Amino acid sequence: MEQLVCIVCPRGCTMTLKDTPDGLTVTGNACPRGKAFAIAETTQPMRTLCTTAATAFPAFPVLPVRVRGEIPKERMFDVMAAINAVVVDFPAARGDVILENVCGLGVDVIATSNLLSEEGERP
């Protein structure tokens, strides 16, 4: 038996999961989305990642970035290592791909700011 709080909506239902012979049983959820969240969180937790990447621009030494989709929770440190190994050396704009298919997960790391493109600065 496991308990968790749903984060799908602001309601924050406290749910209980039980492993039964028929599969996982979820109680305490107010909607079907809560049940789906609880099962996914228990069987294959996924996360989004927001961080910064180093740049070659002295005026803006870091650029805010995020993954475009969810990644497996157990691969967070692998993705962070890949991002930490990058130095952005072009004037990236919001949505520009910084790392394509990071760690072979089928998810890109993208810029979330126009700071570099608006500055127009070159290293």
PDB file of N, CA and C in Angstrom:
ATOM      1  N   MET A   1       0.849  -1.172   0.000  1.00  0.00           N
ATOM      2  CA  MET A   1       0.000   0.000   0.000  1.00  0.00           C
ATOM      3  C   MET A   1       0.899   1.241   0.000  1.00  0.00           C
ATOM      4  N   GLU A   2       0.503   2.206  -0.800  1.00  0.00           N
ATOM      5  CA  GLU A   2       1.273   3.442  -0.909  1.00  0.00           C
ATOM      6  C   GLU A   2       0.301   4.613  -0.944  1.00  0.00           C
ATOM      7  N   GLN A   3       0.688   5.734  -0.331  1.00  0.00           N
ATOM      8  CA  GLN A   3      -0.129   6.937  -0.383  1.00  0.00           C
ATOM      9  C   GLN A   3       0.631   8.028  -1.106  1.00  0.00           C
ATOM     10  N   LEU A   4      -0.112   8.820  -1.888  1.00  0.00           N
ATOM     11  CA  LEU A   4       0.489   9.984  -2.526  1.00  0.00           C
ATOM     12  C   LEU A   4      -0.571  11.036  -2.752  1.00  0.00           C
ATOM     13  N   VAL A   5      -0.115  12.253  -2.977  1.00  0.00           N
ATOM     14  CA  VAL A   5      -1.000  13.383  -3.215  1.00  0.00           C
ATOM     15  C   VAL A   5      -0.982  13.694  -4.702  1.00  0.00           C
ATOM     16  N   CYS A   6      -2.150  13.793  -5.278  1.00  0.00           N
ATOM     17  CA  CYS A   6      -2.276  14.089  -6.709  1.00  0.00           C
ATOM     18  C   CYS A   6      -1.879  15.546  -6.975  1.00  0.00           C
ATOM     19  N   ILE A   7      -1.138  15.770  -8.062  1.00  0.00           N
ATOM     20  CA  ILE A   7      -0.728  17.126  -8.438  1.00  0.00           C
ATOM     21  C   ILE A   7      -1.314  17.541  -9.787  1.00  0.00           C
ATOM     22  N   VAL A   8      -2.281  16.783 -10.279  1.00  0.00           N
ATOM     23  CA  VAL A   8      -2.872  17.081 -11.584  1.00  0.00           C
ATOM     24  C   VAL A   8      -3.694  18.358 -11.545  1.00  0.00           C
ATOM     25  N   CYS A   9      -4.399  18.594 -10.453  1.00  0.00           N
ATOM     26  CA  CYS A   9      -5.195  19.823 -10.325  1.00  0.00           C
ATOM     27  C   CYS A   9      -5.003  20.390  -8.921  1.00  0.00           C
ATOM     28  N   PRO A  10      -5.515  21.561  -8.647  1.00  0.00           N
ATOM     29  CA  PRO A  10      -5.322  22.179  -7.326  1.00  0.00           C
ATOM     30  C   PRO A  10      -6.018  21.451  -6.172  1.00  0.00           C
ATOM     31  N   ARG A  11      -6.911  20.534  -6.467  1.00  0.00           N
ATOM     32  CA  ARG A  11      -7.641  19.849  -5.403  1.00  0.00           C
ATOM     33  C   ARG A  11      -6.706  19.073  -4.476  1.00  0.00           C
ATOM     34  N   GLY A  12      -5.663  18.432  -5.001  1.00  0.00           N
ATOM     35  CA  GLY A  12      -4.663  17.736  -4.189  1.00  0.00           C
ATOM     36  C   GLY A  12      -5.208  16.538  -3.433  1.00  0.00           C
ATOM     37  N   CYS A  13      -5.912  15.668  -4.130  1.00  0.00           N
ATOM     38  CA  CYS A  13      -6.492  14.479  -3.484  1.00  0.00           C
ATOM     39  C   CYS A  13      -5.392  13.594  -2.900  1.00  0.00           C
ATOM     40  N   THR A  14      -5.640  13.085  -1.700  1.00  0.00           N
ATOM     41  CA  THR A  14      -4.758  12.090  -1.102  1.00  0.00           C
ATOM     42  C   THR A  14      -5.267  10.727  -1.552  1.00  0.00           C
ATOM     43  N   MET A  15      -4.429  10.006  -2.265  1.00  0.00           N
ATOM     44  CA  MET A  15      -4.836   8.730  -2.849  1.00  0.00           C
ATOM     45  C   MET A  15      -4.057   7.582  -2.232  1.00  0.00           C
ATOM     46  N   THR A  16      -4.692   6.441  -2.203  1.00  0.00           N
ATOM     47  CA  THR A  16      -4.070   5.218  -1.714  1.00  0.00           C
ATOM     48  C   THR A  16      -4.014   4.217  -2.857  1.00  0.00           C
ATOM     49  N   LEU A  17      -2.840   3.627  -3.059  1.00  0.00           N
ATOM     50  CA  LEU A  17      -2.665   2.603  -4.084  1.00  0.00           C
ATOM     51  C   LEU A  17      -2.453   1.267  -3.409  1.00  0.00           C
ATOM     52  N   LYS A  18      -3.140   0.262  -3.903  1.00  0.00           N
ATOM     53  CA  LYS A  18      -2.967  -1.093  -3.398  1.00  0.00           C
ATOM     54  C   LYS A  18      -2.692  -2.002  -4.588  1.00  0.00           C
ATOM     55  N   ASP A  19      -1.732  -2.885  -4.407  1.00  0.00           N
ATOM     56  CA  ASP A  19      -1.432  -3.877  -5.438  1.00  0.00           C
ATOM     57  C   ASP A  19      -2.303  -5.096  -5.168  1.00  0.00           C
ATOM     58  N   THR A  20      -3.225  -5.367  -6.081  1.00  0.00           N
ATOM     59  CA  THR A  20      -4.140  -6.496  -5.937  1.00  0.00           C
ATOM     60  C   THR A  20      -3.867  -7.497  -7.059  1.00  0.00           C
ATOM     61  N   PRO A  21      -4.428  -8.673  -6.973  1.00  0.00           N
ATOM     62  CA  PRO A  21      -4.250  -9.646  -8.058  1.00  0.00           C
ATOM     63  C   PRO A  21      -4.761  -9.132  -9.408  1.00  0.00           C
ATOM     64  N   ASP A  22      -5.697  -8.196  -9.379  1.00  0.00           N
ATOM     65  CA  ASP A  22      -6.240  -7.622 -10.619  1.00  0.00           C
ATOM     66  C   ASP A  22      -5.455  -6.405 -11.098  1.00  0.00           C
ATOM     67  N   GLY A  23      -4.386  -6.042 -10.406  1.00  0.00           N
ATOM     68  CA  GLY A  23      -3.584  -4.870 -10.761  1.00  0.00           C
ATOM     69  C   GLY A  23      -3.646  -3.824  -9.671  1.00  0.00           C
ATOM     70  N   LEU A  24      -3.225  -2.618  -9.986  1.00  0.00           N
ATOM     71  CA  LEU A  24      -3.239  -1.530  -9.003  1.00  0.00           C
ATOM     72  C   LEU A  24      -4.652  -0.995  -8.818  1.00  0.00           C
ATOM     73  N   THR A  25      -5.027  -0.797  -7.564  1.00  0.00           N
ATOM     74  CA  THR A  25      -6.306  -0.202  -7.223  1.00  0.00           C
ATOM     75  C   THR A  25      -6.025   1.152  -6.588  1.00  0.00           C
ATOM     76  N   VAL A  26      -6.705   2.176  -7.076  1.00  0.00           N
ATOM     77  CA  VAL A  26      -6.515   3.535  -6.575  1.00  0.00           C
ATOM     78  C   VAL A  26      -7.804   3.988  -5.913  1.00  0.00           C
ATOM     79  N   THR A  27      -7.688   4.520  -4.698  1.00  0.00           N
ATOM     80  CA  THR A  27      -8.838   5.113  -4.013  1.00  0.00           C
ATOM     81  C   THR A  27      -8.457   6.512  -3.541  1.00  0.00           C
ATOM     82  N   GLY A  28      -9.472   7.346  -3.345  1.00  0.00           N
ATOM     83  CA  GLY A  28      -9.248   8.703  -2.854  1.00  0.00           C
ATOM     84  C   GLY A  28      -9.196   9.745  -3.944  1.00  0.00           C
ATOM     85  N   ASN A  29      -9.162   9.314  -5.212  1.00  0.00           N
ATOM     86  CA  ASN A  29      -9.109  10.273  -6.312  1.00  0.00           C
ATOM     87  C   ASN A  29     -10.518  10.783  -6.622  1.00  0.00           C
ATOM     88  N   ALA A  30     -10.621  12.081  -6.931  1.00  0.00           N
ATOM     89  CA  ALA A  30     -11.917  12.668  -7.250  1.00  0.00           C
ATOM     90  C   ALA A  30     -12.239  12.589  -8.743  1.00  0.00           C
ATOM     91  N   CYS A  31     -11.238  12.249  -9.557  1.00  0.00           N
ATOM     92  CA  CYS A  31     -11.481  12.186 -10.997  1.00  0.00           C
ATOM     93  C   CYS A  31     -10.596  11.114 -11.640  1.00  0.00           C
ATOM     94  N   PRO A  32     -10.897  10.730 -12.881  1.00  0.00           N
ATOM     95  CA  PRO A  32     -10.088   9.711 -13.564  1.00  0.00           C
ATOM     96  C   PRO A  32      -8.634  10.146 -13.799  1.00  0.00           C
ATOM     97  N   ARG A  33      -8.399  11.447 -13.923  1.00  0.00           N
ATOM     98  CA  ARG A  33      -7.025  11.920 -14.129  1.00  0.00           C
ATOM     99  C   ARG A  33      -6.150  11.612 -12.923  1.00  0.00           C
ATOM    100  N   GLY A  34      -6.731  11.665 -11.735  1.00  0.00           N
ATOM    101  CA  GLY A  34      -5.991  11.330 -10.522  1.00  0.00           C
ATOM    102  C   GLY A  34      -5.566   9.877 -10.516  1.00  0.00           C
ATOM    103  N   LYS A  35      -6.457   9.006 -10.930  1.00  0.00           N
ATOM    104  CA  LYS A  35      -6.127   7.585 -10.998  1.00  0.00           C
ATOM    105  C   LYS A  35      -4.989   7.355 -11.989  1.00  0.00           C
ATOM    106  N   ALA A  36      -5.075   7.968 -13.159  1.00  0.00           N
ATOM    107  CA  ALA A  36      -4.022   7.817 -14.174  1.00  0.00           C
ATOM    108  C   ALA A  36      -2.690   8.344 -13.648  1.00  0.00           C
ATOM    109  N   PHE A  37      -2.714   9.493 -12.957  1.00  0.00           N
ATOM    110  CA  PHE A  37      -1.495  10.052 -12.379  1.00  0.00           C
ATOM    111  C   PHE A  37      -0.881   9.092 -11.373  1.00  0.00           C
ATOM    112  N   ALA A  38      -1.703   8.546 -10.476  1.00  0.00           N
ATOM    113  CA  ALA A  38      -1.206   7.657  -9.424  1.00  0.00           C
ATOM    114  C   ALA A  38      -0.553   6.417 -10.020  1.00  0.00           C
ATOM    115  N   ILE A  39      -1.177   5.837 -11.015  1.00  0.00           N
ATOM    116  CA  ILE A  39      -0.614   4.633 -11.640  1.00  0.00           C
ATOM    117  C   ILE A  39       0.692   4.960 -12.358  1.00  0.00           C
ATOM    118  N   ALA A  40       0.708   6.056 -13.113  1.00  0.00           N
ATOM    119  CA  ALA A  40       1.931   6.449 -13.825  1.00  0.00           C
ATOM    120  C   ALA A  40       3.054   6.787 -12.846  1.00  0.00           C
ATOM    121  N   GLU A  41       2.739   7.485 -11.785  1.00  0.00           N
ATOM    122  CA  GLU A  41       3.749   7.885 -10.798  1.00  0.00           C
ATOM    123  C   GLU A  41       4.333   6.672 -10.084  1.00  0.00           C
ATOM    124  N   THR A  42       3.544   5.647  -9.936  1.00  0.00           N
ATOM    125  CA  THR A  42       3.995   4.432  -9.263  1.00  0.00           C
ATOM    126  C   THR A  42       4.764   3.506 -10.200  1.00  0.00           C
ATOM    127  N   THR A  43       4.337   3.417 -11.453  1.00  0.00           N
ATOM    128  CA  THR A  43       4.950   2.454 -12.366  1.00  0.00           C
ATOM    129  C   THR A  43       6.093   3.039 -13.189  1.00  0.00           C
ATOM    130  N   GLN A  44       5.968   4.284 -13.648  1.00  0.00           N
ATOM    131  CA  GLN A  44       7.024   4.913 -14.441  1.00  0.00           C
ATOM    132  C   GLN A  44       6.967   6.430 -14.250  1.00  0.00           C
ATOM    133  N   PRO A  45       7.543   6.934 -13.162  1.00  0.00           N
ATOM    134  CA  PRO A  45       7.475   8.372 -12.902  1.00  0.00           C
ATOM    135  C   PRO A  45       8.243   9.178 -13.952  1.00  0.00           C
ATOM    136  N   MET A  46       7.608  10.233 -14.414  1.00  0.00           N
ATOM    137  CA  MET A  46       8.186  11.122 -15.413  1.00  0.00           C
ATOM    138  C   MET A  46       8.276  12.524 -14.818  1.00  0.00           C
ATOM    139  N   ARG A  47       9.238  13.300 -15.316  1.00  0.00           N
ATOM    140  CA  ARG A  47       9.439  14.661 -14.815  1.00  0.00           C
ATOM    141  C   ARG A  47       9.775  15.610 -15.961  1.00  0.00           C
ATOM    142  N   THR A  48       9.536  16.898 -15.714  1.00  0.00           N
ATOM    143  CA  THR A  48      10.078  17.933 -16.585  1.00  0.00           C
ATOM    144  C   THR A  48      11.291  18.500 -15.863  1.00  0.00           C
ATOM    145  N   LEU A  49      12.165  19.127 -16.604  1.00  0.00           N
ATOM    146  CA  LEU A  49      13.396  19.645 -16.018  1.00  0.00           C
ATOM    147  C   LEU A  49      13.632  21.055 -16.529  1.00  0.00           C
ATOM    148  N   CYS A  50      13.787  21.983 -15.617  1.00  0.00           N
ATOM    149  CA  CYS A  50      14.135  23.369 -15.933  1.00  0.00           C
ATOM    150  C   CYS A  50      15.444  23.671 -15.218  1.00  0.00           C
ATOM    151  N   THR A  51      16.395  24.261 -15.949  1.00  0.00           N
ATOM    152  CA  THR A  51      17.695  24.568 -15.368  1.00  0.00           C
ATOM    153  C   THR A  51      18.334  25.672 -16.201  1.00  0.00           C
ATOM    154  N   THR A  52      19.631  25.813 -16.119  1.00  0.00           N
ATOM    155  CA  THR A  52      20.359  26.772 -16.949  1.00  0.00           C
ATOM    156  C   THR A  52      21.516  26.062 -17.636  1.00  0.00           C
ATOM    157  N   ALA A  53      21.907  26.613 -18.782  1.00  0.00           N
ATOM    158  CA  ALA A  53      23.071  26.124 -19.517  1.00  0.00           C
ATOM    159  C   ALA A  53      24.080  27.263 -19.611  1.00  0.00           C
ATOM    160  N   ALA A  54      25.337  26.914 -19.565  1.00  0.00           N
ATOM    161  CA  ALA A  54      26.396  27.914 -19.690  1.00  0.00           C
ATOM    162  C   ALA A  54      26.393  28.501 -21.097  1.00  0.00           C
ATOM    163  N   THR A  55      26.816  29.769 -21.203  1.00  0.00           N
ATOM    164  CA  THR A  55      26.945  30.402 -22.516  1.00  0.00           C
ATOM    165  C   THR A  55      28.362  30.947 -22.678  1.00  0.00           C
ATOM    166  N   ALA A  56      28.678  31.328 -23.906  1.00  0.00           N
ATOM    167  CA  ALA A  56      29.959  31.950 -24.218  1.00  0.00           C
ATOM    168  C   ALA A  56      29.849  33.475 -24.193  1.00  0.00           C
ATOM    169  N   PHE A  57      28.736  34.000 -23.688  1.00  0.00           N
ATOM    170  CA  PHE A  57      28.479  35.436 -23.685  1.00  0.00           C
ATOM    171  C   PHE A  57      28.724  36.014 -22.293  1.00  0.00           C
ATOM    172  N   PRO A  58      29.741  36.859 -22.128  1.00  0.00           N
ATOM    173  CA  PRO A  58      30.043  37.409 -20.796  1.00  0.00           C
ATOM    174  C   PRO A  58      28.889  38.168 -20.152  1.00  0.00           C
ATOM    175  N   ALA A  59      28.074  38.852 -20.955  1.00  0.00           N
ATOM    176  CA  ALA A  59      26.958  39.611 -20.389  1.00  0.00           C
ATOM    177  C   ALA A  59      25.849  38.701 -19.862  1.00  0.00           C
ATOM    178  N   PHE A  60      25.753  37.484 -20.401  1.00  0.00           N
ATOM    179  CA  PHE A  60      24.742  36.516 -19.977  1.00  0.00           C
ATOM    180  C   PHE A  60      25.411  35.155 -19.839  1.00  0.00           C
ATOM    181  N   PRO A  61      26.050  34.881 -18.716  1.00  0.00           N
ATOM    182  CA  PRO A  61      26.826  33.642 -18.563  1.00  0.00           C
ATOM    183  C   PRO A  61      25.997  32.365 -18.540  1.00  0.00           C
ATOM    184  N   VAL A  62      24.686  32.479 -18.255  1.00  0.00           N
ATOM    185  CA  VAL A  62      23.822  31.298 -18.289  1.00  0.00           C
ATOM    186  C   VAL A  62      22.530  31.627 -19.036  1.00  0.00           C
ATOM    187  N   LEU A  63      21.950  30.592 -19.616  1.00  0.00           N
ATOM    188  CA  LEU A  63      20.698  30.714 -20.366  1.00  0.00           C
ATOM    189  C   LEU A  63      19.682  29.755 -19.752  1.00  0.00           C
ATOM    190  N   PRO A  64      18.487  30.226 -19.412  1.00  0.00           N
ATOM    191  CA  PRO A  64      17.469  29.316 -18.907  1.00  0.00           C
ATOM    192  C   PRO A  64      17.049  28.324 -20.002  1.00  0.00           C
ATOM    193  N   VAL A  65      16.962  27.056 -19.633  1.00  0.00           N
ATOM    194  CA  VAL A  65      16.571  26.003 -20.573  1.00  0.00           C
ATOM    195  C   VAL A  65      15.615  25.038 -19.876  1.00  0.00           C
ATOM    196  N   ARG A  66      14.930  24.229 -20.684  1.00  0.00           N
ATOM    197  CA  ARG A  66      14.068  23.180 -20.149  1.00  0.00           C
ATOM    198  C   ARG A  66      13.969  22.069 -21.179  1.00  0.00           C
ATOM    199  N   VAL A  67      13.504  20.899 -20.716  1.00  0.00           N
ATOM    200  CA  VAL A  67      13.234  19.825 -21.661  1.00  0.00           C
ATOM    201  C   VAL A  67      11.866  20.096 -22.279  1.00  0.00           C
ATOM    202  N   ARG A  68      11.728  19.734 -23.555  1.00  0.00           N
ATOM    203  CA  ARG A  68      10.492  20.010 -24.287  1.00  0.00           C
ATOM    204  C   ARG A  68       9.353  19.083 -23.864  1.00  0.00           C
ATOM    205  N   GLY A  69       9.668  17.942 -23.298  1.00  0.00           N
ATOM    206  CA  GLY A  69       8.663  16.978 -22.844  1.00  0.00           C
ATOM    207  C   GLY A  69       9.122  16.347 -21.550  1.00  0.00           C
ATOM    208  N   GLU A  70       8.417  15.351 -21.129  1.00  0.00           N
ATOM    209  CA  GLU A  70       8.786  14.677 -19.888  1.00  0.00           C
ATOM    210  C   GLU A  70       9.887  13.653 -20.130  1.00  0.00           C
ATOM    211  N   ILE A  71      10.682  13.436 -19.097  1.00  0.00           N
ATOM    212  CA  ILE A  71      11.748  12.439 -19.136  1.00  0.00           C
ATOM    213  C   ILE A  71      11.584  11.498 -17.947  1.00  0.00           C
ATOM    214  N   PRO A  72      12.086  10.271 -18.059  1.00  0.00           N
ATOM    215  CA  PRO A  72      11.996   9.363 -16.914  1.00  0.00           C
ATOM    216  C   PRO A  72      12.750   9.938 -15.710  1.00  0.00           C
ATOM    217  N   LYS A  73      12.131   9.835 -14.556  1.00  0.00           N
ATOM    218  CA  LYS A  73      12.714  10.384 -13.331  1.00  0.00           C
ATOM    219  C   LYS A  73      14.122   9.854 -13.084  1.00  0.00           C
ATOM    220  N   GLU A  74      14.352   8.576 -13.369  1.00  0.00           N
ATOM    221  CA  GLU A  74      15.665   7.980 -13.102  1.00  0.00           C
ATOM    222  C   GLU A  74      16.749   8.486 -14.049  1.00  0.00           C
ATOM    223  N   ARG A  75      16.395   9.233 -15.087  1.00  0.00           N
ATOM    224  CA  ARG A  75      17.387   9.766 -16.032  1.00  0.00           C
ATOM    225  C   ARG A  75      17.672  11.250 -15.809  1.00  0.00           C
ATOM    226  N   MET A  76      17.119  11.840 -14.766  1.00  0.00           N
ATOM    227  CA  MET A  76      17.310  13.276 -14.502  1.00  0.00           C
ATOM    228  C   MET A  76      18.788  13.655 -14.402  1.00  0.00           C
ATOM    229  N   PHE A  77      19.570  12.860 -13.674  1.00  0.00           N
ATOM    230  CA  PHE A  77      20.983  13.198 -13.493  1.00  0.00           C
ATOM    231  C   PHE A  77      21.768  13.035 -14.791  1.00  0.00           C
ATOM    232  N   ASP A  78      21.389  12.084 -15.636  1.00  0.00           N
ATOM    233  CA  ASP A  78      22.029  11.932 -16.947  1.00  0.00           C
ATOM    234  C   ASP A  78      21.772  13.163 -17.818  1.00  0.00           C
ATOM    235  N   VAL A  79      20.529  13.630 -17.809  1.00  0.00           N
ATOM    236  CA  VAL A  79      20.170  14.807 -18.602  1.00  0.00           C
ATOM    237  C   VAL A  79      20.878  16.044 -18.059  1.00  0.00           C
ATOM    238  N   MET A  80      20.943  16.180 -16.743  1.00  0.00           N
ATOM    239  CA  MET A  80      21.659  17.319 -16.158  1.00  0.00           C
ATOM    240  C   MET A  80      23.137  17.301 -16.547  1.00  0.00           C
ATOM    241  N   ALA A  81      23.752  16.133 -16.555  1.00  0.00           N
ATOM    242  CA  ALA A  81      25.162  16.029 -16.950  1.00  0.00           C
ATOM    243  C   ALA A  81      25.346  16.459 -18.399  1.00  0.00           C
ATOM    244  N   ALA A  82      24.421  16.070 -19.268  1.00  0.00           N
ATOM    245  CA  ALA A  82      24.510  16.463 -20.678  1.00  0.00           C
ATOM    246  C   ALA A  82      24.356  17.974 -20.834  1.00  0.00           C
ATOM    247  N   ILE A  83      23.427  18.564 -20.098  1.00  0.00           N
ATOM    248  CA  ILE A  83      23.236  20.022 -20.159  1.00  0.00           C
ATOM    249  C   ILE A  83      24.461  20.744 -19.597  1.00  0.00           C
ATOM    250  N   ASN A  84      25.027  20.235 -18.515  1.00  0.00           N
ATOM    251  CA  ASN A  84      26.199  20.867 -17.913  1.00  0.00           C
ATOM    252  C   ASN A  84      27.424  20.804 -18.817  1.00  0.00           C
ATOM    253  N   ALA A  85      27.446  19.894 -19.780  1.00  0.00           N
ATOM    254  CA  ALA A  85      28.583  19.763 -20.696  1.00  0.00           C
ATOM    255  C   ALA A  85      28.476  20.711 -21.893  1.00  0.00           C
ATOM    256  N   VAL A  86      27.373  21.426 -22.016  1.00  0.00           N
ATOM    257  CA  VAL A  86      27.119  22.299 -23.170  1.00  0.00           C
ATOM    258  C   VAL A  86      27.486  23.740 -22.852  1.00  0.00           C
ATOM    259  N   VAL A  87      28.050  24.425 -23.847  1.00  0.00           N
ATOM    260  CA  VAL A  87      28.233  25.874 -23.786  1.00  0.00           C
ATOM    261  C   VAL A  87      27.533  26.455 -25.003  1.00  0.00           C
ATOM    262  N   VAL A  88      26.499  27.238 -24.771  1.00  0.00           N
ATOM    263  CA  VAL A  88      25.729  27.845 -25.862  1.00  0.00           C
ATOM    264  C   VAL A  88      26.562  28.965 -26.451  1.00  0.00           C
ATOM    265  N   ASP A  89      26.885  28.834 -27.746  1.00  0.00           N
ATOM    266  CA  ASP A  89      27.759  29.823 -28.387  1.00  0.00           C
ATOM    267  C   ASP A  89      27.085  30.540 -29.555  1.00  0.00           C
ATOM    268  N   PHE A  90      25.756  30.509 -29.576  1.00  0.00           N
ATOM    269  CA  PHE A  90      25.003  31.236 -30.606  1.00  0.00           C
ATOM    270  C   PHE A  90      23.890  32.018 -29.916  1.00  0.00           C
ATOM    271  N   PRO A  91      23.400  33.090 -30.525  1.00  0.00           N
ATOM    272  CA  PRO A  91      22.361  33.908 -29.882  1.00  0.00           C
ATOM    273  C   PRO A  91      21.000  33.207 -29.899  1.00  0.00           C
ATOM    274  N   ALA A  92      20.807  32.286 -28.995  1.00  0.00           N
ATOM    275  CA  ALA A  92      19.590  31.479 -28.936  1.00  0.00           C
ATOM    276  C   ALA A  92      18.380  32.322 -28.549  1.00  0.00           C
ATOM    277  N   ALA A  93      17.249  31.974 -29.122  1.00  0.00           N
ATOM    278  CA  ALA A  93      15.971  32.597 -28.788  1.00  0.00           C
ATOM    279  C   ALA A  93      15.073  31.560 -28.128  1.00  0.00           C
ATOM    280  N   ARG A  94      14.028  32.027 -27.499  1.00  0.00           N
ATOM    281  CA  ARG A  94      13.072  31.130 -26.841  1.00  0.00           C
ATOM    282  C   ARG A  94      12.599  30.075 -27.841  1.00  0.00           C
ATOM    283  N   GLY A  95      12.710  28.815 -27.434  1.00  0.00           N
ATOM    284  CA  GLY A  95      12.269  27.705 -28.270  1.00  0.00           C
ATOM    285  C   GLY A  95      13.368  27.088 -29.118  1.00  0.00           C
ATOM    286  N   ASP A  96      14.518  27.758 -29.230  1.00  0.00           N
ATOM    287  CA  ASP A  96      15.628  27.187 -30.002  1.00  0.00           C
ATOM    288  C   ASP A  96      16.162  25.938 -29.303  1.00  0.00           C
ATOM    289  N   VAL A  97      16.504  24.942 -30.102  1.00  0.00           N
ATOM    290  CA  VAL A  97      17.029  23.696 -29.557  1.00  0.00           C
ATOM    291  C   VAL A  97      18.483  23.891 -29.146  1.00  0.00           C
ATOM    292  N   ILE A  98      18.767  23.573 -27.904  1.00  0.00           N
ATOM    293  CA  ILE A  98      20.118  23.643 -27.361  1.00  0.00           C
ATOM    294  C   ILE A  98      20.772  22.266 -27.431  1.00  0.00           C
ATOM    295  N   LEU A  99      20.019  21.228 -27.115  1.00  0.00           N
ATOM    296  CA  LEU A  99      20.463  19.834 -27.212  1.00  0.00           C
ATOM    297  C   LEU A  99      19.348  19.020 -27.852  1.00  0.00           C
ATOM    298  N   GLU A 100      19.627  18.421 -28.973  1.00  0.00           N
ATOM    299  CA  GLU A 100      18.636  17.603 -29.650  1.00  0.00           C
ATOM    300  C   GLU A 100      18.670  16.178 -29.102  1.00  0.00           C
ATOM    301  N   ASN A 101      17.486  15.605 -28.886  1.00  0.00           N
ATOM    302  CA  ASN A 101      17.354  14.207 -28.454  1.00  0.00           C
ATOM    303  C   ASN A 101      18.308  13.896 -27.292  1.00  0.00           C
ATOM    304  N   VAL A 102      18.204  14.679 -26.243  1.00  0.00           N
ATOM    305  CA  VAL A 102      19.120  14.555 -25.111  1.00  0.00           C
ATOM    306  C   VAL A 102      19.118  13.125 -24.555  1.00  0.00           C
ATOM    307  N   CYS A 103      20.287  12.578 -24.416  1.00  0.00           N
ATOM    308  CA  CYS A 103      20.512  11.232 -23.859  1.00  0.00           C
ATOM    309  C   CYS A 103      19.711  10.146 -24.583  1.00  0.00           C
ATOM    310  N   GLY A 104      19.352  10.397 -25.837  1.00  0.00           N
ATOM    311  CA  GLY A 104      18.594   9.415 -26.608  1.00  0.00           C
ATOM    312  C   GLY A 104      17.169   9.213 -26.124  1.00  0.00           C
ATOM    313  N   LEU A 105      16.630  10.183 -25.395  1.00  0.00           N
ATOM    314  CA  LEU A 105      15.293  10.058 -24.821  1.00  0.00           C
ATOM    315  C   LEU A 105      14.185  10.574 -25.732  1.00  0.00           C
ATOM    316  N   GLY A 106      14.552  11.098 -26.910  1.00  0.00           N
ATOM    317  CA  GLY A 106      13.538  11.619 -27.820  1.00  0.00           C
ATOM    318  C   GLY A 106      12.984  12.976 -27.404  1.00  0.00           C
ATOM    319  N   VAL A 107      13.686  13.671 -26.531  1.00  0.00           N
ATOM    320  CA  VAL A 107      13.252  14.970 -26.020  1.00  0.00           C
ATOM    321  C   VAL A 107      14.386  15.967 -26.219  1.00  0.00           C
ATOM    322  N   ASP A 108      14.049  17.156 -26.711  1.00  0.00           N
ATOM    323  CA  ASP A 108      15.044  18.206 -26.909  1.00  0.00           C
ATOM    324  C   ASP A 108      15.130  19.095 -25.668  1.00  0.00           C
ATOM    325  N   VAL A 109      16.304  19.698 -25.475  1.00  0.00           N
ATOM    326  CA  VAL A 109      16.475  20.753 -24.479  1.00  0.00           C
ATOM    327  C   VAL A 109      16.382  22.061 -25.245  1.00  0.00           C
ATOM    328  N   ILE A 110      15.499  22.956 -24.808  1.00  0.00           N
ATOM    329  CA  ILE A 110      15.265  24.204 -25.524  1.00  0.00           C
ATOM    330  C   ILE A 110      15.517  25.409 -24.628  1.00  0.00           C
ATOM    331  N   ALA A 111      15.821  26.542 -25.276  1.00  0.00           N
ATOM    332  CA  ALA A 111      15.985  27.814 -24.562  1.00  0.00           C
ATOM    333  C   ALA A 111      14.613  28.317 -24.128  1.00  0.00           C
ATOM    334  N   THR A 112      14.557  28.950 -22.977  1.00  0.00           N
ATOM    335  CA  THR A 112      13.285  29.515 -22.509  1.00  0.00           C
ATOM    336  C   THR A 112      13.346  31.031 -22.365  1.00  0.00           C
ATOM    337  N   SER A 113      14.350  31.638 -22.981  1.00  0.00           N
ATOM    338  CA  SER A 113      14.524  33.085 -22.885  1.00  0.00           C
ATOM    339  C   SER A 113      15.033  33.626 -24.212  1.00  0.00           C
ATOM    340  N   ASN A 114      14.711  34.871 -24.477  1.00  0.00           N
ATOM    341  CA  ASN A 114      15.220  35.569 -25.653  1.00  0.00           C
ATOM    342  C   ASN A 114      16.413  36.451 -25.319  1.00  0.00           C
ATOM    343  N   LEU A 115      16.962  36.341 -24.134  1.00  0.00           N
ATOM    344  CA  LEU A 115      18.050  37.235 -23.711  1.00  0.00           C
ATOM    345  C   LEU A 115      19.189  37.283 -24.715  1.00  0.00           C
ATOM    346  N   LEU A 116      19.633  36.152 -25.183  1.00  0.00           N
ATOM    347  CA  LEU A 116      20.773  36.134 -26.094  1.00  0.00           C
ATOM    348  C   LEU A 116      20.425  36.690 -27.464  1.00  0.00           C
ATOM    349  N   SER A 117      19.241  36.346 -27.983  1.00  0.00           N
ATOM    350  CA  SER A 117      18.878  36.808 -29.320  1.00  0.00           C
ATOM    351  C   SER A 117      18.607  38.301 -29.328  1.00  0.00           C
ATOM    352  N   GLU A 118      18.062  38.843 -28.237  1.00  0.00           N
ATOM    353  CA  GLU A 118      17.790  40.272 -28.165  1.00  0.00           C
ATOM    354  C   GLU A 118      19.072  41.073 -28.011  1.00  0.00           C
ATOM    355  N   GLU A 119      20.018  40.512 -27.301  1.00  0.00           N
ATOM    356  CA  GLU A 119      21.285  41.203 -27.079  1.00  0.00           C
ATOM    357  C   GLU A 119      22.060  41.278 -28.378  1.00  0.00           C
ATOM    358  N   GLY A 120      22.025  40.198 -29.155  1.00  0.00           N
ATOM    359  CA  GLY A 120      22.762  40.157 -30.409  1.00  0.00           C
ATOM    360  C   GLY A 120      24.256  40.123 -30.210  1.00  0.00           C
ATOM    361  N   GLU A 121      24.680  39.871 -28.994  1.00  0.00           N
ATOM    362  CA  GLU A 121      26.098  39.843 -28.669  1.00  0.00           C
ATOM    363  C   GLU A 121      26.737  38.589 -29.236  1.00  0.00           C
ATOM    364  N   ARG A 122      27.986  38.690 -29.622  1.00  0.00           N
ATOM    365  CA  ARG A 122      28.749  37.538 -30.106  1.00  0.00           C
ATOM    366  C   ARG A 122      29.885  37.283 -29.122  1.00  0.00           C
ATOM    367  N   PRO A 123      30.233  36.019 -28.939  1.00  0.00           N
ATOM    368  CA  PRO A 123      31.336  35.721 -27.994  1.00  0.00           C
ATOM    369  C   PRO A 123      32.647  36.331 -28.437  1.00  0.00           C
TER     370      PRO A 123
END
